[in-house]
Protein backbone atom coordinates (compact mmCIF):
# COMPACT_ATOMS: atom_id res chain seq x y z
CA UNK A 1 9.18 23.74 -9.59
CA UNK A 2 8.89 23.49 -13.34
CA UNK A 3 5.25 24.51 -13.52
CA UNK A 4 6.05 28.02 -14.73
CA UNK A 5 7.79 26.91 -17.90
CA UNK A 6 5.82 27.43 -21.09
CA UNK A 7 5.64 24.30 -23.26
CA UNK A 8 8.31 24.46 -25.94
CA UNK A 9 7.60 23.26 -29.49
CA UNK A 10 7.54 19.46 -29.65
CA UNK A 11 10.77 17.90 -30.95
CA UNK A 12 10.86 14.21 -31.85
CA UNK A 13 13.83 12.07 -32.82
CA UNK A 14 14.38 8.39 -33.48
CA UNK A 15 16.90 5.91 -32.04
CA UNK A 16 17.98 3.11 -34.38
CA UNK A 17 19.79 0.02 -33.15
CA UNK A 18 23.12 -0.54 -34.97
CA UNK A 19 22.54 -3.93 -36.58
CA UNK A 20 21.47 -5.47 -39.89
CA UNK A 21 22.80 -5.03 -43.42
CA UNK A 22 24.28 -1.57 -43.83
CA UNK A 23 22.25 -0.73 -46.98
CA UNK A 24 19.09 -1.37 -44.93
CA UNK A 25 20.32 0.94 -42.17
CA UNK A 26 21.20 3.67 -44.66
CA UNK A 27 17.74 3.40 -46.24
CA UNK A 28 16.15 3.58 -42.79
CA UNK A 29 18.07 6.75 -41.93
CA UNK A 30 17.03 8.38 -45.19
CA UNK A 31 13.43 7.39 -44.54
CA UNK A 32 13.48 8.88 -41.03
CA UNK A 33 14.90 12.12 -42.38
CA UNK A 34 12.31 12.25 -45.17
CA UNK A 35 9.51 11.79 -42.62
CA UNK A 36 10.61 15.02 -40.95
CA UNK A 37 12.00 13.84 -37.62
CA UNK A 38 14.50 16.19 -36.05
CA UNK A 39 17.23 13.76 -35.03
CA UNK A 40 18.58 10.25 -35.55
CA UNK A 41 20.50 8.74 -32.68
CA UNK A 42 22.53 5.62 -32.04
CA UNK A 43 23.27 3.89 -28.73
CA UNK A 44 26.94 3.40 -27.91
CA UNK A 45 27.86 0.00 -26.47
CA UNK A 46 30.15 -2.88 -27.25
CA UNK A 47 27.69 -5.57 -26.12
CA UNK A 48 23.95 -5.70 -26.86
CA UNK A 49 21.51 -8.37 -25.67
CA UNK A 50 20.74 -10.74 -28.58
CA UNK A 51 22.44 -8.48 -31.15
CA UNK A 52 25.79 -8.43 -32.92
CA UNK A 53 26.12 -4.71 -33.57
CA UNK A 54 28.22 -2.25 -35.52
CA UNK A 55 30.44 0.28 -33.73
CA UNK A 56 28.58 3.52 -32.99
CA UNK A 57 31.02 6.17 -34.19
CA UNK A 58 31.82 4.45 -37.47
CA UNK A 59 28.09 4.39 -38.20
CA UNK A 60 27.72 8.04 -37.21
CA UNK A 61 30.28 8.95 -39.88
CA UNK A 62 28.30 7.00 -42.45
CA UNK A 63 25.06 8.54 -41.21
CA UNK A 64 26.54 12.01 -41.62
CA UNK A 65 27.26 11.29 -45.29
CA UNK A 66 23.93 9.54 -45.92
CA UNK A 67 21.71 12.39 -44.68
CA UNK A 68 21.48 16.12 -45.33
CA UNK A 69 19.27 17.82 -42.74
CA UNK A 70 18.67 15.67 -39.69
CA UNK A 71 20.64 16.12 -36.46
CA UNK A 72 22.83 13.15 -35.48
CA UNK A 73 24.53 11.85 -32.37
CA UNK A 74 25.14 9.07 -29.89
CA UNK A 75 22.56 8.84 -27.11
CA UNK A 76 24.74 8.54 -25.16
CA UNK A 77 28.42 7.59 -25.07
CA UNK A 78 29.29 6.23 -21.59
CA UNK A 79 32.56 7.27 -20.00
CA UNK A 80 33.43 3.59 -19.53
CA UNK A 81 34.32 3.03 -23.20
CA UNK A 82 36.64 5.84 -24.34
CA UNK A 83 39.20 8.33 -23.14
CA UNK A 84 37.59 11.80 -23.33
CA UNK A 85 40.28 13.21 -25.63
CA UNK A 86 39.60 10.42 -28.12
CA UNK A 87 35.87 11.03 -27.74
CA UNK A 88 36.38 14.74 -28.47
CA UNK A 89 38.29 13.80 -31.62
CA UNK A 90 35.40 11.52 -32.66
CA UNK A 91 32.99 14.38 -32.00
CA UNK A 92 35.00 16.93 -33.95
CA UNK A 93 35.20 14.57 -36.92
CA UNK A 94 31.45 13.82 -36.82
CA UNK A 95 30.66 17.52 -36.57
CA UNK A 96 32.70 18.27 -39.69
CA UNK A 97 31.40 15.27 -41.64
CA UNK A 98 27.81 16.29 -40.90
CA UNK A 99 28.29 19.96 -41.73
CA UNK A 100 27.57 21.01 -38.15
CA UNK A 101 24.55 18.75 -37.51
CA UNK A 102 26.18 16.78 -34.71
CA UNK A 103 25.63 16.80 -30.93
CA UNK A 104 27.75 14.99 -28.34
CA UNK A 105 25.85 12.85 -25.84
CA UNK A 106 27.65 11.83 -22.64
CA UNK A 107 26.69 9.84 -19.57
CA UNK A 108 28.22 8.02 -16.62
CA UNK A 109 26.70 4.69 -17.68
CA UNK A 110 24.39 2.66 -15.47
CA UNK A 111 25.77 -0.37 -13.62
CA UNK A 112 23.45 -2.81 -15.40
CA UNK A 113 23.95 -1.18 -18.78
CA UNK A 114 27.74 -0.99 -18.82
CA UNK A 115 28.41 -4.31 -17.09
CA UNK A 116 28.48 -6.26 -20.34
CA UNK A 117 30.85 -3.75 -21.93
CA UNK A 118 33.22 -3.90 -18.97
CA UNK A 119 33.23 -7.69 -18.98
CA UNK A 120 33.88 -7.79 -22.72
CA UNK A 121 36.80 -5.40 -22.36
CA UNK A 122 38.20 -7.30 -19.39
CA UNK A 123 38.34 -4.17 -17.24
CA UNK A 124 37.49 -3.52 -13.64
CA UNK A 125 34.03 -2.33 -12.68
CA UNK A 126 33.99 1.32 -11.66
CA UNK A 127 31.78 2.41 -8.77
CA UNK A 128 28.94 4.87 -9.44
CA UNK A 129 30.95 7.57 -7.65
CA UNK A 130 33.96 6.99 -9.89
CA UNK A 131 31.83 6.96 -13.04
CA UNK A 132 30.33 10.33 -12.11
CA UNK A 133 33.77 11.71 -11.30
CA UNK A 134 35.00 10.55 -14.70
CA UNK A 135 31.91 12.09 -16.30
CA UNK A 136 32.76 15.42 -14.67
CA UNK A 137 36.32 15.40 -16.03
CA UNK A 138 35.17 14.10 -19.43
CA UNK A 139 32.65 16.93 -19.80
CA UNK A 140 35.27 19.54 -18.97
CA UNK A 141 37.83 18.02 -21.35
CA UNK A 142 35.35 17.66 -24.24
CA UNK A 143 33.90 21.11 -23.65
CA UNK A 144 37.30 22.76 -23.79
CA UNK A 145 38.73 20.74 -26.68
CA UNK A 146 35.63 21.24 -28.84
CA UNK A 147 35.85 25.00 -28.25
CA UNK A 148 39.24 24.89 -29.99
CA UNK A 149 41.47 24.99 -26.94
CA UNK A 150 44.91 23.39 -27.00
CA UNK A 151 44.48 21.59 -23.74
CA UNK A 152 46.94 20.81 -20.96
CA UNK A 153 44.79 19.11 -18.34
CA UNK A 154 45.74 17.23 -15.18
CA UNK A 155 42.79 15.75 -13.34
CA UNK A 156 42.39 12.96 -10.86
CA UNK A 157 41.23 10.48 -13.53
CA UNK A 158 42.62 11.87 -16.79
CA UNK A 159 45.67 13.69 -18.13
CA UNK A 160 45.41 15.33 -21.54
CA UNK A 161 47.83 17.13 -23.84
CA UNK A 162 45.84 17.51 -27.05
CA UNK A 163 43.89 19.60 -29.52
CA UNK A 164 41.26 18.61 -32.09
CA UNK A 165 40.05 20.25 -35.32
CA UNK A 166 37.82 23.23 -34.66
CA UNK A 167 34.15 22.35 -34.91
CA UNK A 168 31.79 23.91 -37.46
CA UNK A 169 29.13 24.48 -34.80
CA UNK A 170 30.15 27.42 -32.59
CA UNK A 171 31.17 27.75 -29.89
CA UNK A 172 31.10 23.93 -29.96
CA UNK A 173 28.63 21.16 -30.79
CA UNK A 174 25.78 20.90 -28.25
CA UNK A 175 26.35 18.66 -25.23
CA UNK A 176 23.53 16.28 -24.30
CA UNK A 177 24.12 15.01 -20.75
CA UNK A 178 22.27 11.97 -19.41
CA UNK A 179 21.66 12.41 -15.69
CA UNK A 180 19.42 11.03 -12.94
CA UNK A 181 21.13 11.25 -9.55
CA UNK A 182 22.00 14.50 -7.74
CA UNK A 183 25.71 14.54 -8.66
CA UNK A 184 25.08 13.83 -12.35
CA UNK A 185 22.23 16.35 -12.42
CA UNK A 186 24.62 18.98 -11.05
CA UNK A 187 26.91 18.26 -14.01
CA UNK A 188 23.99 18.54 -16.44
CA UNK A 189 23.06 21.88 -14.89
CA UNK A 190 26.60 23.12 -15.47
CA UNK A 191 27.44 21.75 -18.92
CA UNK A 192 24.33 20.56 -20.77
CA UNK A 193 22.66 22.17 -23.73
CA UNK A 194 20.27 19.19 -23.51
CA UNK A 195 19.38 17.31 -20.31
CA UNK A 196 18.56 13.67 -21.12
CA UNK A 197 16.57 11.31 -18.91
CA UNK A 198 14.99 7.90 -19.49
CA UNK A 199 11.44 8.83 -18.70
CA UNK A 200 11.69 7.65 -15.10
CA UNK A 201 12.68 4.11 -16.04
CA UNK A 202 15.71 1.84 -16.06
CA UNK A 203 16.31 -1.89 -16.40
CA UNK A 204 15.07 -2.36 -12.84
CA UNK A 205 11.69 -0.66 -13.34
CA UNK A 206 10.47 -1.61 -16.85
CA UNK A 207 6.98 -2.65 -15.76
CA UNK A 208 6.16 0.07 -13.24
CA UNK A 209 2.96 2.07 -13.84
CA UNK A 210 3.22 5.15 -16.03
CA UNK A 211 2.30 7.32 -13.04
CA UNK A 212 5.35 6.05 -11.13
CA UNK A 213 7.64 6.86 -14.06
CA UNK A 214 6.16 10.35 -14.28
CA UNK A 215 6.71 10.90 -10.56
CA UNK A 216 10.37 9.87 -10.83
CA UNK A 217 10.80 12.27 -13.72
CA UNK A 218 9.11 15.04 -11.72
CA UNK A 219 11.53 14.44 -8.85
CA UNK A 220 14.53 14.47 -11.21
CA UNK A 221 13.25 17.67 -12.86
CA UNK A 222 12.93 19.40 -9.50
CA UNK A 223 16.45 18.37 -8.48
CA UNK A 224 17.77 19.50 -11.87
CA UNK A 225 16.17 22.91 -11.42
CA UNK A 226 17.57 23.20 -7.89
CA UNK A 227 21.04 22.46 -9.26
CA UNK A 228 20.60 25.11 -11.96
CA UNK A 229 19.47 27.67 -9.38
CA UNK A 230 22.52 26.91 -7.22
CA UNK A 231 24.87 28.06 -10.00
CA UNK A 232 22.66 30.85 -11.31
CA UNK A 233 21.73 29.17 -14.58
CA UNK A 234 18.23 29.52 -16.05
CA UNK A 235 16.89 25.95 -16.50
CA UNK A 236 14.61 27.23 -19.25
CA UNK A 237 17.66 27.68 -21.49
CA UNK A 238 18.40 23.94 -21.41
CA UNK A 239 16.40 21.58 -23.62
CA UNK A 240 14.82 18.61 -21.82
CA UNK A 241 14.77 15.27 -23.60
CA UNK A 242 13.02 12.00 -22.76
CA UNK A 243 14.60 8.86 -24.16
CA UNK A 244 11.55 6.60 -24.28
CA UNK A 245 13.20 3.62 -22.60
CA UNK A 246 10.73 0.78 -21.84
CA UNK A 247 7.98 3.23 -22.74
CA UNK A 248 4.64 2.35 -21.17
CA UNK A 249 1.98 2.76 -22.48
CA UNK A 250 3.55 1.63 -25.77
CA UNK A 251 3.42 4.87 -27.80
CA UNK A 252 3.27 3.00 -31.12
CA UNK A 253 0.08 1.04 -30.60
CA UNK A 254 -1.99 4.07 -31.68
CA UNK A 255 -1.88 7.84 -31.95
CA UNK A 256 -3.90 8.04 -28.74
CA UNK A 257 -1.23 6.01 -26.96
CA UNK A 258 1.45 8.30 -28.37
CA UNK A 259 -0.45 11.36 -27.15
CA UNK A 260 -0.95 9.83 -23.71
CA UNK A 261 2.73 9.02 -23.32
CA UNK A 262 3.99 12.37 -24.57
CA UNK A 263 1.32 14.42 -22.82
CA UNK A 264 2.29 13.30 -19.33
CA UNK A 265 5.88 14.37 -19.81
CA UNK A 266 4.95 17.59 -21.59
CA UNK A 267 3.06 18.61 -18.47
CA UNK A 268 6.36 18.27 -16.60
CA UNK A 269 8.10 20.64 -19.01
CA UNK A 270 9.83 18.01 -21.15
CA UNK A 271 10.02 19.24 -24.74
CA UNK A 272 12.01 16.61 -26.67
CA UNK A 273 11.37 12.90 -27.16
CA UNK A 274 13.47 10.18 -28.75
CA UNK A 275 11.69 6.92 -29.61
CA UNK A 276 13.25 3.64 -30.62
CA UNK A 277 12.59 2.60 -34.20
CA UNK A 278 9.83 -0.04 -33.95
CA UNK A 279 11.27 -3.56 -34.22
CA UNK A 280 10.18 -7.01 -33.17
CA UNK A 281 12.09 -8.72 -30.36
CA UNK A 282 13.89 -10.89 -32.94
CA UNK A 283 15.03 -7.80 -34.86
CA UNK A 284 12.45 -8.21 -37.62
CA UNK A 285 10.20 -5.45 -38.92
CA UNK A 286 7.32 -4.17 -36.83
CA UNK A 287 5.25 -2.87 -39.73
CA UNK A 288 2.31 -1.81 -37.54
CA UNK A 289 4.64 0.24 -35.34
CA UNK A 290 6.25 1.79 -38.41
CA UNK A 291 2.83 2.89 -39.67
CA UNK A 292 2.13 4.65 -36.34
CA UNK A 293 5.54 6.32 -36.52
CA UNK A 294 4.65 7.60 -39.98
CA UNK A 295 1.34 8.95 -38.66
CA UNK A 296 3.19 10.67 -35.82
CA UNK A 297 5.41 12.37 -38.41
CA UNK A 298 2.44 13.37 -40.58
CA UNK A 299 0.03 14.47 -37.85
CA UNK A 300 2.08 15.49 -34.78
CA UNK A 301 5.28 17.12 -36.04
C-alpha cells in the first residue's frame, strides 16, 4: 500500500516550545514566518520536563496577532486536558483571530506524555481505550460545533448543549488527528484533513535505528490506508504529516542529514514535516541548528 501515491509538494513547519520571555517568542515567530515556513505549532501540555511553560491557547491567540501569513495550531491538544466544547470554543476564537489560518490538532495523548499533566491536575489516569473513546467523541463534537451547528449531544463520555462562533475557514478549520494504533487510525481515516504521526518514535524508542522508525511508519501508513478503504475514503485526499520527534539522524546537523531524514519518509508518501526549533538542552540558543534551518528554508522550500 501507499506506493502508488505521487509525492506531494514538500510542506515544512516548525514547532516552538512555549517558554522564555514573550518578546523573544514573538520575534521567533516572526522570523519563522519571514523564512517562508508554512506553519508554526505549539505543543499543548501543563507539565514539561525542565521547563516552566506558558499555556498553549493563550500563546496561539498572541501568535495569531503577531503573524500575517503562516498557519498556526496546537500539535496536538490531548483529550485529557479540556472538555471538547471548550476546545471547540478555543478553536473558533483562534480561527477568527488568525483570519482563517488556524487548524485544530487533536490526539488521545500517550500514557507517558500525559502522565505528568494528569498528576498535576490531580485526576485519575484514563486507560488507552478510554482515551481513544474520548477522542472519538471529541472529534465528533468539535467537527459539528465548528461547522456552525447548535449541538445537543449525549455520548458515553460527554454531554454538550452549546454553539460557538462560526469559523472563517469553511466548512470548518482543518482537523489534524494524531494517530498510531488501529482504533485511533480509524478515527483519523474518518475525520482528519491531516494525519499526524511521530515518525515511528515515542518516548520508549528514542534511540532506535532510523530504519526501524521508517518500518513502524510504513506499518502505520498501511493500517491507515486500510481504515480509509473500509469507509470508502480516498487516503490521497488526506495530508500526511511527520512530527519529527526524537529525529534520528539529527536533521539539523547538515543539509545532507535533513535530506536523509526527509527522504526516507517521502518514499512512504509522507508530504508534511514539522521540526522542533533548534534549542540546547538547557533552553539556550542552538545557533548552528538555526543556521541549518535557515538553509532549509532558502534551499529546500
